[in-house]
């Protein structure tokens, strides 16, 4: 996987990075909503800044965005298909600690299949991948079958990149543009695996893993109606 990235000049530059541009790049869909929101912002979008400012943890109060890379692929330990994250952000605290942030954009799309569907007639490779993801997240394997698969590898991606960049903090953010906060209940079910509860526009901390402080949050952006 190439590690050379080209800066963007507009939201349209994000389009060609999508797996299926003709299908995914539409007004009212998460890919375009996310691209336009972040490109129009100077640094973090306002709702992300507000989320960090409201955090009980001081390290998020004056976080500096250093770089942001759309459609960022993270190799998972099994060496198979990488996790393609909507946006990767590397940030820095006022004490020069690094923070890796994986952003998952959402409007009406679910977080992939629930494990019950994803594991149906599963190959040995799929079972191994899930086991590895649970190990990264410090979870018991197998997890409940109602949990959405995408949430496992998005959160694991933030942790893996924290290790790669030697960052102390890792964050998985859901940047939702759904007026109804669609699929928020699935996000809550996932957090329940860690014994954690959350509200909309709240950053919460998960149990520490391998010396990394892990956070996750659901933040609401303004949906552009079509």
Protein backbone atom coordinates (compact mmCIF):
# COMPACT_ATOMS: atom_id res chain seq x y z
CA UNK A 1 0.00 0.00 0.00
CA UNK A 2 1.46 3.32 -1.12
CA UNK A 3 2.18 5.81 1.66
CA UNK A 4 2.47 8.87 -0.63
CA UNK A 5 -0.54 11.21 -0.44
CA UNK A 6 -1.57 14.17 -2.59
CA UNK A 7 -3.17 17.25 -0.94
CA UNK A 8 -6.77 18.06 -1.87
CA UNK A 9 -7.97 21.39 -3.28
CA UNK A 10 -11.72 20.75 -2.97
CA UNK A 11 -14.25 18.13 -1.87
CA UNK A 12 -14.31 16.76 -5.43
CA UNK A 13 -10.78 15.42 -4.94
CA UNK A 14 -12.18 12.95 -2.41
CA UNK A 15 -14.42 11.37 -5.04
CA UNK A 16 -11.74 9.46 -6.92
CA UNK A 17 -10.51 7.85 -3.70
CA UNK A 18 -13.82 6.06 -3.15
CA UNK A 19 -14.16 2.34 -3.85
CA UNK A 20 -17.28 2.98 -5.97
CA UNK A 21 -17.34 6.71 -6.89
CA UNK A 22 -20.41 6.56 -9.16
CA UNK A 23 -22.44 4.89 -6.43
CA UNK A 24 -21.10 6.63 -3.32
CA UNK A 25 -20.61 10.24 -4.48
CA UNK A 26 -24.10 11.73 -4.28
CA UNK A 27 -25.63 14.70 -2.48
CA UNK A 28 -27.18 13.57 0.77
CA UNK A 29 -24.83 10.57 1.05
CA UNK A 30 -22.15 10.34 3.72
CA UNK A 31 -19.08 10.42 1.44
CA UNK A 32 -19.99 13.76 -0.11
CA UNK A 33 -21.42 15.23 3.12
CA UNK A 34 -18.22 14.41 5.00
CA UNK A 35 -15.92 15.73 2.27
CA UNK A 36 -17.75 19.04 1.92
CA UNK A 37 -17.96 19.55 5.68
CA UNK A 38 -14.25 18.99 6.33
CA UNK A 39 -13.02 20.84 3.21
CA UNK A 40 -15.07 23.91 4.15
CA UNK A 41 -13.58 23.97 7.65
CA UNK A 42 -10.29 25.51 8.66
CA UNK A 43 -9.11 22.70 10.90
CA UNK A 44 -11.76 20.71 12.74
CA UNK A 45 -15.41 21.35 11.78
CA UNK A 46 -17.29 23.35 14.43
CA UNK A 47 -19.25 20.37 15.75
CA UNK A 48 -16.02 18.38 16.22
CA UNK A 49 -14.41 21.28 18.07
CA UNK A 50 -17.46 21.55 20.33
CA UNK A 51 -17.32 17.82 21.03
CA UNK A 52 -13.68 18.09 22.10
CA UNK A 53 -14.26 21.25 24.16
CA UNK A 54 -17.06 19.54 26.07
CA UNK A 55 -14.88 16.55 26.93
CA UNK A 56 -13.96 15.93 30.55
CA UNK A 57 -10.41 15.16 29.42
CA UNK A 58 -8.24 18.27 29.20
CA UNK A 59 -6.10 16.91 26.35
CA UNK A 60 -8.92 17.58 23.84
CA UNK A 61 -9.44 21.23 24.81
CA UNK A 62 -6.83 22.71 22.45
CA UNK A 63 -6.22 19.92 19.98
CA UNK A 64 -4.31 20.88 16.83
CA UNK A 65 -5.12 19.17 13.54
CA UNK A 66 -1.83 18.31 11.84
CA UNK A 67 -3.05 16.38 8.80
CA UNK A 68 -6.20 14.69 7.51
CA UNK A 69 -6.26 11.93 4.88
CA UNK A 70 -9.52 10.77 3.25
CA UNK A 71 -10.25 7.11 2.41
CA UNK A 72 -7.34 5.98 4.54
CA UNK A 73 -6.53 2.27 4.44
CA UNK A 74 -5.24 0.48 7.53
CA UNK A 75 -3.73 -2.97 7.18
CA UNK A 76 -5.21 -5.41 9.68
CA UNK A 77 -3.12 -8.15 11.33
CA UNK A 78 -4.44 -10.98 9.16
CA UNK A 79 -2.87 -9.39 6.08
CA UNK A 80 -6.07 -9.62 4.06
CA UNK A 81 -8.33 -6.78 2.97
CA UNK A 82 -7.48 -3.49 4.76
CA UNK A 83 -9.99 -1.34 6.63
CA UNK A 84 -10.78 1.68 4.43
CA UNK A 85 -11.61 4.52 6.79
CA UNK A 86 -13.54 7.57 5.58
CA UNK A 87 -11.02 9.95 7.14
CA UNK A 88 -7.84 9.67 9.20
CA UNK A 89 -6.75 12.64 11.30
CA UNK A 90 -3.44 13.02 13.09
CA UNK A 91 -3.64 15.65 15.81
CA UNK A 92 -1.43 17.01 18.59
CA UNK A 93 -2.16 18.08 22.15
CA UNK A 94 -0.69 21.16 23.84
CA UNK A 95 1.77 18.83 25.58
CA UNK A 96 2.95 17.47 22.19
CA UNK A 97 1.20 14.12 22.57
CA UNK A 98 -0.10 12.65 19.31
CA UNK A 99 -3.73 11.63 18.79
CA UNK A 100 -4.93 9.33 15.99
CA UNK A 101 -8.55 9.85 14.94
CA UNK A 102 -10.58 7.65 12.60
CA UNK A 103 -13.74 9.35 11.31
CA UNK A 104 -16.68 7.34 10.00
CA UNK A 105 -19.20 9.42 8.06
CA UNK A 106 -22.86 8.43 8.22
CA UNK A 107 -26.22 9.56 6.89
CA UNK A 108 -28.54 6.60 6.37
CA UNK A 109 -26.00 3.82 5.78
CA UNK A 110 -25.62 1.12 8.47
CA UNK A 111 -22.30 0.03 10.00
CA UNK A 112 -22.04 -2.94 7.65
CA UNK A 113 -23.69 -6.26 8.43
CA UNK A 114 -24.36 -7.48 11.96
CA UNK A 115 -22.05 -10.34 12.89
CA UNK A 116 -24.95 -12.77 12.56
CA UNK A 117 -25.01 -12.04 8.81
CA UNK A 118 -21.28 -11.41 8.37
CA UNK A 119 -20.39 -14.77 9.91
CA UNK A 120 -22.98 -16.80 8.02
CA UNK A 121 -21.13 -19.67 6.29
CA UNK A 122 -17.95 -17.83 7.32
CA UNK A 123 -14.57 -18.99 6.08
CA UNK A 124 -11.81 -19.77 8.55
CA UNK A 125 -10.17 -16.51 7.45
CA UNK A 126 -13.19 -14.47 8.59
CA UNK A 127 -13.20 -16.19 11.97
CA UNK A 128 -9.49 -15.48 12.40
CA UNK A 129 -10.00 -11.81 11.45
CA UNK A 130 -12.76 -11.34 14.02
CA UNK A 131 -10.64 -13.02 16.69
CA UNK A 132 -7.75 -10.66 15.92
CA UNK A 133 -10.01 -7.60 16.03
CA UNK A 134 -11.36 -8.69 19.42
CA UNK A 135 -7.81 -9.08 20.69
CA UNK A 136 -6.91 -5.56 19.52
CA UNK A 137 -10.01 -4.18 21.26
CA UNK A 138 -9.61 -6.24 24.40
CA UNK A 139 -12.96 -7.97 23.85
CA UNK A 140 -14.11 -11.52 24.42
CA UNK A 141 -14.39 -13.64 21.29
CA UNK A 142 -16.91 -14.40 19.91
CA UNK A 143 -18.86 -11.19 20.64
CA UNK A 144 -22.69 -10.94 20.50
CA UNK A 145 -24.02 -11.53 16.99
CA UNK A 146 -26.16 -8.37 16.88
CA UNK A 147 -23.10 -6.06 16.85
CA UNK A 148 -22.25 -4.42 13.52
CA UNK A 149 -18.96 -5.62 12.04
CA UNK A 150 -17.77 -2.24 10.74
CA UNK A 151 -17.49 -0.79 14.24
CA UNK A 152 -14.88 -3.41 15.16
CA UNK A 153 -12.39 -2.62 12.41
CA UNK A 154 -12.92 1.15 12.45
CA UNK A 155 -12.09 1.30 16.16
CA UNK A 156 -9.23 -1.17 15.73
CA UNK A 157 -7.85 1.05 12.95
CA UNK A 158 -7.53 3.99 15.34
CA UNK A 159 -5.65 1.81 17.83
CA UNK A 160 -3.34 0.26 15.22
CA UNK A 161 -2.38 3.68 13.86
CA UNK A 162 -1.80 4.95 17.40
CA UNK A 163 0.75 2.18 17.76
CA UNK A 164 2.31 2.99 14.37
CA UNK A 165 2.62 6.73 15.12
CA UNK A 166 3.52 6.12 18.77
CA UNK A 167 0.46 8.16 19.77
CA UNK A 168 -0.80 7.93 23.34
CA UNK A 169 -4.43 8.62 22.37
CA UNK A 170 -6.72 6.96 19.80
CA UNK A 171 -10.23 8.13 18.85
CA UNK A 172 -12.99 6.63 16.71
CA UNK A 173 -15.56 9.26 15.73
CA UNK A 174 -18.87 8.75 14.00
CA UNK A 175 -19.62 11.99 12.13
CA UNK A 176 -23.34 11.65 11.47
CA UNK A 177 -25.36 13.82 9.09
CA UNK A 178 -28.60 11.98 9.83
CA UNK A 179 -31.34 14.25 11.27
CA UNK A 180 -32.69 11.19 13.11
CA UNK A 181 -29.26 9.93 14.25
CA UNK A 182 -29.95 6.75 12.38
CA UNK A 183 -28.02 3.69 13.64
CA UNK A 184 -27.10 5.38 16.92
CA UNK A 185 -28.56 2.39 18.77
CA UNK A 186 -26.07 0.10 16.98
CA UNK A 187 -23.25 2.37 18.12
CA UNK A 188 -24.57 2.17 21.69
CA UNK A 189 -24.72 -1.64 21.47
CA UNK A 190 -21.06 -1.66 20.44
CA UNK A 191 -20.05 0.53 23.38
CA UNK A 192 -21.95 -1.82 25.65
CA UNK A 193 -19.27 -4.44 24.96
CA UNK A 194 -16.88 -2.19 26.91
CA UNK A 195 -19.37 -1.47 29.70
CA UNK A 196 -19.73 2.12 28.46
CA UNK A 197 -22.78 4.28 27.67
CA UNK A 198 -22.88 7.41 25.53
CA UNK A 199 -25.11 10.21 24.33
CA UNK A 200 -25.16 12.08 21.03
CA UNK A 201 -22.38 14.71 20.90
CA UNK A 202 -20.47 13.09 23.74
CA UNK A 203 -16.90 11.80 23.83
CA UNK A 204 -16.45 8.77 26.07
CA UNK A 205 -13.39 6.81 27.16
CA UNK A 206 -13.03 3.07 26.67
CA UNK A 207 -10.82 0.84 28.82
CA UNK A 208 -7.09 1.50 28.29
CA UNK A 209 -5.38 -0.94 25.94
CA UNK A 210 -1.63 -1.55 25.82
CA UNK A 211 -0.87 1.88 27.25
CA UNK A 212 -3.18 3.67 24.79
CA UNK A 213 -6.09 5.83 25.92
CA UNK A 214 -9.06 5.02 23.68
CA UNK A 215 -12.01 7.34 23.09
CA UNK A 216 -15.08 7.28 20.89
CA UNK A 217 -17.86 9.73 20.09
CA UNK A 218 -20.95 10.32 17.98
CA UNK A 219 -21.10 13.87 16.66
CA UNK A 220 -23.84 15.47 14.56
CA UNK A 221 -23.10 17.58 11.48
CA UNK A 222 -25.61 19.67 9.52
CA UNK A 223 -27.29 17.56 6.84
CA UNK A 224 -27.65 19.25 3.44
CA UNK A 225 -31.16 18.39 2.32
CA UNK A 226 -31.65 17.55 -1.36
